[in-house]
Amino acid sequence: MDLSTAGARATFDMRDELVGNTARGALHGGVISATLDLIGGMAAMIAVADDPAADLVQRLKVLGTIDIRIDYLRPGIGEHFEATGSILRSGRRVAVTRMELHNDAGTLIAVGTGTYIIG
């Protein structure tokens, strides 16, 4: 997992227990959704950490997903995957993030938008 002011990034390898479609060997949709929610939440955490007036510990205690939308564009086929997330907008109480999942060939598998309570 990498965190910076630009956003969050995580990579993971394909494993048998992550397969949803055994005929194609593709990632399960729930794995894709959970990964994008995680990376969106990590990007939202960056927004909280960048606020110098924030009581960081208290705000991180209430950080949670309000809404998430995932668009599955292609089957999750690959050996390795990379999820990235960035802030679209951050306010005092809510952050909106954009997330993407790519495979090892650079193919865009899924995109998402998440809304997170941050304080």
N, C-alpha and C. Protein backbone atom coordinates (compact mmCIF):
# COMPACT_ATOMS: atom_id res chain seq x y z
N MET A 1 0.86 -1.17 0.00
CA MET A 1 0.00 0.00 0.00
C MET A 1 0.90 1.23 0.00
N ASP A 2 0.62 2.17 -0.89
CA ASP A 2 1.34 3.43 -0.95
C ASP A 2 0.34 4.56 -0.74
N LEU A 3 0.70 5.50 0.13
CA LEU A 3 -0.13 6.67 0.38
C LEU A 3 0.70 7.91 0.12
N SER A 4 0.11 8.87 -0.59
CA SER A 4 0.77 10.15 -0.83
C SER A 4 -0.32 11.20 -0.98
N THR A 5 0.08 12.44 -1.11
CA THR A 5 -0.92 13.49 -1.30
C THR A 5 -1.66 13.32 -2.61
N ALA A 6 -1.09 12.57 -3.54
CA ALA A 6 -1.75 12.32 -4.82
C ALA A 6 -2.84 11.28 -4.71
N GLY A 7 -2.77 10.42 -3.68
CA GLY A 7 -3.79 9.39 -3.53
C GLY A 7 -3.23 8.13 -2.92
N ALA A 8 -3.96 7.05 -3.10
CA ALA A 8 -3.59 5.75 -2.52
C ALA A 8 -3.43 4.73 -3.63
N ARG A 9 -2.53 3.77 -3.39
CA ARG A 9 -2.29 2.72 -4.37
C ARG A 9 -2.00 1.42 -3.63
N ALA A 10 -2.60 0.34 -4.12
CA ALA A 10 -2.34 -0.99 -3.54
C ALA A 10 -2.26 -2.00 -4.68
N THR A 11 -1.43 -3.01 -4.49
CA THR A 11 -1.30 -4.08 -5.47
C THR A 11 -1.55 -5.42 -4.77
N PHE A 12 -2.03 -6.38 -5.53
CA PHE A 12 -2.20 -7.73 -5.00
C PHE A 12 -2.11 -8.72 -6.14
N ASP A 13 -1.79 -9.96 -5.78
CA ASP A 13 -1.67 -11.05 -6.74
C ASP A 13 -2.95 -11.85 -6.80
N MET A 14 -3.21 -12.41 -7.96
CA MET A 14 -4.35 -13.32 -8.12
C MET A 14 -4.08 -14.58 -7.31
N ARG A 15 -5.11 -15.07 -6.63
CA ARG A 15 -5.03 -16.32 -5.87
C ARG A 15 -6.32 -17.09 -6.13
N ASP A 16 -6.27 -18.38 -5.95
CA ASP A 16 -7.44 -19.24 -6.20
C ASP A 16 -8.66 -18.80 -5.41
N GLU A 17 -8.46 -18.38 -4.16
CA GLU A 17 -9.60 -18.01 -3.32
C GLU A 17 -10.25 -16.69 -3.72
N LEU A 18 -9.68 -15.96 -4.67
CA LEU A 18 -10.25 -14.70 -5.14
C LEU A 18 -11.07 -14.86 -6.42
N VAL A 19 -11.08 -16.06 -6.98
CA VAL A 19 -11.77 -16.32 -8.25
C VAL A 19 -13.27 -16.40 -8.04
N GLY A 20 -14.00 -15.71 -8.91
CA GLY A 20 -15.46 -15.78 -8.89
C GLY A 20 -15.99 -16.60 -10.04
N ASN A 21 -15.37 -16.47 -11.19
CA ASN A 21 -15.76 -17.22 -12.37
C ASN A 21 -14.68 -18.26 -12.64
N THR A 22 -14.95 -19.50 -12.24
CA THR A 22 -13.92 -20.54 -12.36
C THR A 22 -13.64 -20.91 -13.82
N ALA A 23 -14.61 -20.76 -14.70
CA ALA A 23 -14.39 -21.08 -16.10
C ALA A 23 -13.39 -20.12 -16.74
N ARG A 24 -13.43 -18.86 -16.34
CA ARG A 24 -12.52 -17.85 -16.89
C ARG A 24 -11.35 -17.54 -15.98
N GLY A 25 -11.45 -17.92 -14.71
CA GLY A 25 -10.40 -17.59 -13.76
C GLY A 25 -10.37 -16.11 -13.43
N ALA A 26 -11.54 -15.48 -13.40
CA ALA A 26 -11.65 -14.04 -13.18
C ALA A 26 -11.92 -13.74 -11.70
N LEU A 27 -11.48 -12.56 -11.29
CA LEU A 27 -11.74 -12.09 -9.92
C LEU A 27 -13.24 -12.06 -9.64
N HIS A 28 -13.60 -12.37 -8.42
CA HIS A 28 -14.99 -12.26 -7.96
C HIS A 28 -15.35 -10.78 -7.88
N GLY A 29 -16.57 -10.44 -8.23
CA GLY A 29 -17.02 -9.05 -8.18
C GLY A 29 -16.95 -8.46 -6.79
N GLY A 30 -17.16 -9.28 -5.77
CA GLY A 30 -17.05 -8.81 -4.39
C GLY A 30 -15.63 -8.43 -4.02
N VAL A 31 -14.66 -9.14 -4.56
CA VAL A 31 -13.25 -8.80 -4.34
C VAL A 31 -12.94 -7.46 -4.98
N ILE A 32 -13.45 -7.26 -6.18
CA ILE A 32 -13.23 -5.99 -6.88
C ILE A 32 -13.86 -4.85 -6.08
N SER A 33 -15.10 -5.03 -5.67
CA SER A 33 -15.81 -4.00 -4.92
C SER A 33 -15.11 -3.69 -3.59
N ALA A 34 -14.75 -4.72 -2.85
CA ALA A 34 -14.09 -4.51 -1.56
C ALA A 34 -12.74 -3.82 -1.73
N THR A 35 -12.00 -4.19 -2.77
CA THR A 35 -10.70 -3.57 -3.03
C THR A 35 -10.87 -2.09 -3.33
N LEU A 36 -11.84 -1.76 -4.18
CA LEU A 36 -12.04 -0.35 -4.53
C LEU A 36 -12.57 0.44 -3.34
N ASP A 37 -13.40 -0.17 -2.50
CA ASP A 37 -13.87 0.51 -1.29
C ASP A 37 -12.69 0.77 -0.35
N LEU A 38 -11.83 -0.20 -0.18
CA LEU A 38 -10.65 -0.04 0.67
C LEU A 38 -9.77 1.10 0.18
N ILE A 39 -9.48 1.12 -1.12
CA ILE A 39 -8.56 2.14 -1.65
C ILE A 39 -9.23 3.52 -1.62
N GLY A 40 -10.54 3.57 -1.81
CA GLY A 40 -11.26 4.84 -1.68
C GLY A 40 -11.22 5.35 -0.26
N GLY A 41 -11.38 4.45 0.72
CA GLY A 41 -11.28 4.83 2.12
C GLY A 41 -9.89 5.32 2.49
N MET A 42 -8.87 4.68 1.92
CA MET A 42 -7.50 5.12 2.17
C MET A 42 -7.26 6.51 1.59
N ALA A 43 -7.81 6.78 0.41
CA ALA A 43 -7.69 8.12 -0.17
C ALA A 43 -8.41 9.14 0.71
N ALA A 44 -9.55 8.77 1.26
CA ALA A 44 -10.28 9.67 2.15
C ALA A 44 -9.47 9.94 3.41
N MET A 45 -8.74 8.96 3.89
CA MET A 45 -7.88 9.15 5.06
C MET A 45 -6.81 10.20 4.78
N ILE A 46 -6.31 10.23 3.56
CA ILE A 46 -5.31 11.24 3.18
C ILE A 46 -5.90 12.63 3.32
N ALA A 47 -7.16 12.78 2.92
CA ALA A 47 -7.83 14.08 3.02
C ALA A 47 -7.91 14.52 4.48
N VAL A 48 -8.18 13.59 5.39
CA VAL A 48 -8.24 13.91 6.82
C VAL A 48 -6.86 14.29 7.32
N ALA A 49 -5.85 13.54 6.93
CA ALA A 49 -4.49 13.79 7.40
C ALA A 49 -3.94 15.12 6.89
N ASP A 50 -4.43 15.59 5.75
CA ASP A 50 -3.96 16.86 5.18
C ASP A 50 -4.57 18.08 5.86
N ASP A 51 -5.56 17.87 6.73
CA ASP A 51 -6.22 18.97 7.43
C ASP A 51 -5.48 19.25 8.73
N PRO A 52 -4.71 20.35 8.81
CA PRO A 52 -3.90 20.59 10.01
C PRO A 52 -4.74 20.87 11.26
N ALA A 53 -5.99 21.27 11.09
CA ALA A 53 -6.85 21.58 12.24
C ALA A 53 -7.58 20.34 12.75
N ALA A 54 -7.42 19.23 12.07
CA ALA A 54 -8.19 18.03 12.41
C ALA A 54 -7.64 17.35 13.66
N ASP A 55 -8.55 16.85 14.48
CA ASP A 55 -8.18 15.92 15.54
C ASP A 55 -8.16 14.56 14.85
N LEU A 56 -6.99 14.21 14.36
CA LEU A 56 -6.83 13.07 13.45
C LEU A 56 -7.41 11.78 14.02
N VAL A 57 -7.09 11.45 15.24
CA VAL A 57 -7.55 10.19 15.82
C VAL A 57 -9.07 10.15 15.87
N GLN A 58 -9.70 11.22 16.33
CA GLN A 58 -11.16 11.25 16.43
C GLN A 58 -11.82 11.15 15.06
N ARG A 59 -11.26 11.85 14.07
CA ARG A 59 -11.86 11.82 12.73
C ARG A 59 -11.68 10.45 12.07
N LEU A 60 -10.56 9.80 12.29
CA LEU A 60 -10.35 8.48 11.71
C LEU A 60 -11.26 7.43 12.35
N LYS A 61 -11.66 7.64 13.59
CA LYS A 61 -12.57 6.71 14.27
C LYS A 61 -13.94 6.67 13.59
N VAL A 62 -14.37 7.78 12.99
CA VAL A 62 -15.69 7.82 12.37
C VAL A 62 -15.64 7.64 10.85
N LEU A 63 -14.45 7.51 10.28
CA LEU A 63 -14.34 7.35 8.83
C LEU A 63 -15.09 6.09 8.40
N GLY A 64 -15.96 6.25 7.41
CA GLY A 64 -16.72 5.10 6.92
C GLY A 64 -17.35 5.40 5.57
N THR A 65 -17.76 4.35 4.91
CA THR A 65 -18.36 4.47 3.58
C THR A 65 -19.82 4.91 3.71
N ILE A 66 -20.17 5.97 3.01
CA ILE A 66 -21.56 6.41 2.93
C ILE A 66 -22.21 5.78 1.70
N ASP A 67 -21.50 5.83 0.58
CA ASP A 67 -22.05 5.32 -0.69
C ASP A 67 -20.89 4.92 -1.58
N ILE A 68 -21.11 3.90 -2.38
CA ILE A 68 -20.08 3.48 -3.34
C ILE A 68 -20.77 2.99 -4.60
N ARG A 69 -20.18 3.33 -5.72
CA ARG A 69 -20.68 2.86 -7.01
C ARG A 69 -19.50 2.23 -7.74
N ILE A 70 -19.70 1.01 -8.21
CA ILE A 70 -18.67 0.30 -8.95
C ILE A 70 -19.20 -0.02 -10.34
N ASP A 71 -18.42 0.31 -11.35
CA ASP A 71 -18.71 -0.08 -12.73
C ASP A 71 -17.70 -1.14 -13.14
N TYR A 72 -18.20 -2.35 -13.40
CA TYR A 72 -17.36 -3.47 -13.84
C TYR A 72 -17.24 -3.38 -15.35
N LEU A 73 -16.06 -3.11 -15.84
CA LEU A 73 -15.86 -2.86 -17.27
C LEU A 73 -15.42 -4.10 -18.04
N ARG A 74 -14.60 -4.93 -17.40
CA ARG A 74 -14.07 -6.13 -18.04
C ARG A 74 -13.89 -7.22 -16.99
N PRO A 75 -13.79 -8.47 -17.40
CA PRO A 75 -13.51 -9.54 -16.43
C PRO A 75 -12.15 -9.29 -15.76
N GLY A 76 -12.07 -9.61 -14.48
CA GLY A 76 -10.83 -9.43 -13.72
C GLY A 76 -9.85 -10.55 -13.97
N ILE A 77 -9.26 -10.54 -15.15
CA ILE A 77 -8.32 -11.59 -15.54
C ILE A 77 -6.91 -11.00 -15.51
N GLY A 78 -6.01 -11.70 -14.81
CA GLY A 78 -4.63 -11.26 -14.73
C GLY A 78 -3.91 -11.98 -13.61
N GLU A 79 -2.61 -11.77 -13.55
CA GLU A 79 -1.78 -12.36 -12.50
C GLU A 79 -1.62 -11.40 -11.33
N HIS A 80 -1.60 -10.09 -11.64
CA HIS A 80 -1.41 -9.05 -10.63
C HIS A 80 -2.40 -7.93 -10.91
N PHE A 81 -2.78 -7.22 -9.85
CA PHE A 81 -3.74 -6.13 -9.99
C PHE A 81 -3.26 -4.91 -9.20
N GLU A 82 -3.63 -3.73 -9.70
CA GLU A 82 -3.29 -2.49 -9.02
C GLU A 82 -4.54 -1.64 -8.87
N ALA A 83 -4.81 -1.23 -7.65
CA ALA A 83 -5.95 -0.34 -7.35
C ALA A 83 -5.39 1.03 -6.98
N THR A 84 -6.01 2.08 -7.54
CA THR A 84 -5.61 3.44 -7.21
C THR A 84 -6.84 4.24 -6.81
N GLY A 85 -6.64 5.20 -5.93
CA GLY A 85 -7.72 6.06 -5.49
C GLY A 85 -7.23 7.47 -5.29
N SER A 86 -8.07 8.43 -5.64
CA SER A 86 -7.72 9.83 -5.46
C SER A 86 -8.95 10.60 -5.00
N ILE A 87 -8.70 11.75 -4.41
CA ILE A 87 -9.78 12.60 -3.90
C ILE A 87 -10.36 13.43 -5.04
N LEU A 88 -11.67 13.39 -5.18
CA LEU A 88 -12.36 14.30 -6.11
C LEU A 88 -12.74 15.58 -5.39
N ARG A 89 -13.23 15.41 -4.14
CA ARG A 89 -13.60 16.57 -3.32
C ARG A 89 -13.55 16.17 -1.86
N SER A 90 -13.05 17.09 -1.05
CA SER A 90 -13.01 16.84 0.38
C SER A 90 -13.53 18.07 1.11
N GLY A 91 -14.52 17.84 1.96
CA GLY A 91 -15.08 18.91 2.78
C GLY A 91 -14.78 18.64 4.24
N ARG A 92 -15.51 19.31 5.12
CA ARG A 92 -15.28 19.13 6.56
C ARG A 92 -15.78 17.78 7.06
N ARG A 93 -16.85 17.26 6.46
CA ARG A 93 -17.47 16.03 6.95
C ARG A 93 -17.48 14.89 5.94
N VAL A 94 -17.32 15.22 4.65
CA VAL A 94 -17.48 14.21 3.60
C VAL A 94 -16.35 14.35 2.57
N ALA A 95 -15.86 13.20 2.10
CA ALA A 95 -14.89 13.17 1.01
C ALA A 95 -15.45 12.28 -0.10
N VAL A 96 -15.21 12.67 -1.33
CA VAL A 96 -15.62 11.89 -2.50
C VAL A 96 -14.35 11.46 -3.23
N THR A 97 -14.27 10.17 -3.55
CA THR A 97 -13.07 9.63 -4.17
C THR A 97 -13.39 8.95 -5.50
N ARG A 98 -12.36 8.79 -6.29
CA ARG A 98 -12.42 8.06 -7.56
C ARG A 98 -11.43 6.92 -7.47
N MET A 99 -11.86 5.72 -7.84
CA MET A 99 -11.00 4.55 -7.75
C MET A 99 -10.95 3.82 -9.09
N GLU A 100 -9.81 3.16 -9.34
CA GLU A 100 -9.65 2.34 -10.54
C GLU A 100 -8.92 1.06 -10.20
N LEU A 101 -9.24 -0.02 -10.93
CA LEU A 101 -8.54 -1.29 -10.79
C LEU A 101 -8.03 -1.70 -12.17
N HIS A 102 -6.72 -1.92 -12.28
CA HIS A 102 -6.08 -2.36 -13.52
C HIS A 102 -5.43 -3.72 -13.30
N ASN A 103 -5.32 -4.49 -14.37
CA ASN A 103 -4.59 -5.76 -14.27
C ASN A 103 -3.13 -5.52 -14.67
N ASP A 104 -2.34 -6.59 -14.69
CA ASP A 104 -0.91 -6.48 -14.98
C ASP A 104 -0.61 -6.06 -16.42
N ALA A 105 -1.58 -6.17 -17.30
CA ALA A 105 -1.40 -5.70 -18.68
C ALA A 105 -1.79 -4.23 -18.83
N GLY A 106 -2.23 -3.61 -17.73
CA GLY A 106 -2.65 -2.22 -17.77
C GLY A 106 -4.10 -2.03 -18.20
N THR A 107 -4.84 -3.12 -18.34
CA THR A 107 -6.24 -3.06 -18.74
C THR A 107 -7.10 -2.58 -17.58
N LEU A 108 -7.97 -1.63 -17.84
CA LEU A 108 -8.88 -1.11 -16.83
C LEU A 108 -10.00 -2.13 -16.61
N ILE A 109 -10.07 -2.67 -15.40
CA ILE A 109 -11.04 -3.71 -15.06
C ILE A 109 -12.33 -3.10 -14.51
N ALA A 110 -12.19 -2.13 -13.60
CA ALA A 110 -13.35 -1.52 -12.95
C ALA A 110 -13.01 -0.13 -12.47
N VAL A 111 -14.03 0.71 -12.38
CA VAL A 111 -13.89 2.06 -11.83
C VAL A 111 -14.94 2.23 -10.76
N GLY A 112 -14.70 3.16 -9.86
CA GLY A 112 -15.66 3.40 -8.80
C GLY A 112 -15.61 4.84 -8.32
N THR A 113 -16.68 5.22 -7.67
CA THR A 113 -16.77 6.50 -6.98
C THR A 113 -17.29 6.19 -5.59
N GLY A 114 -16.62 6.74 -4.59
CA GLY A 114 -17.02 6.49 -3.22
C GLY A 114 -17.22 7.78 -2.45
N THR A 115 -18.18 7.77 -1.56
CA THR A 115 -18.43 8.90 -0.66
C THR A 115 -18.20 8.39 0.76
N TYR A 116 -17.37 9.12 1.51
CA TYR A 116 -16.94 8.68 2.83
C TYR A 116 -17.18 9.78 3.86
N ILE A 117 -17.66 9.41 5.03
CA ILE A 117 -17.76 10.33 6.16
C ILE A 117 -16.36 10.43 6.74
N ILE A 118 -15.87 11.65 6.95
CA ILE A 118 -14.50 11.82 7.44
C ILE A 118 -14.43 12.63 8.73
N GLY A 119 -15.56 12.96 9.31
CA GLY A 119 -15.46 13.74 10.55
C GLY A 119 -16.78 14.01 11.17
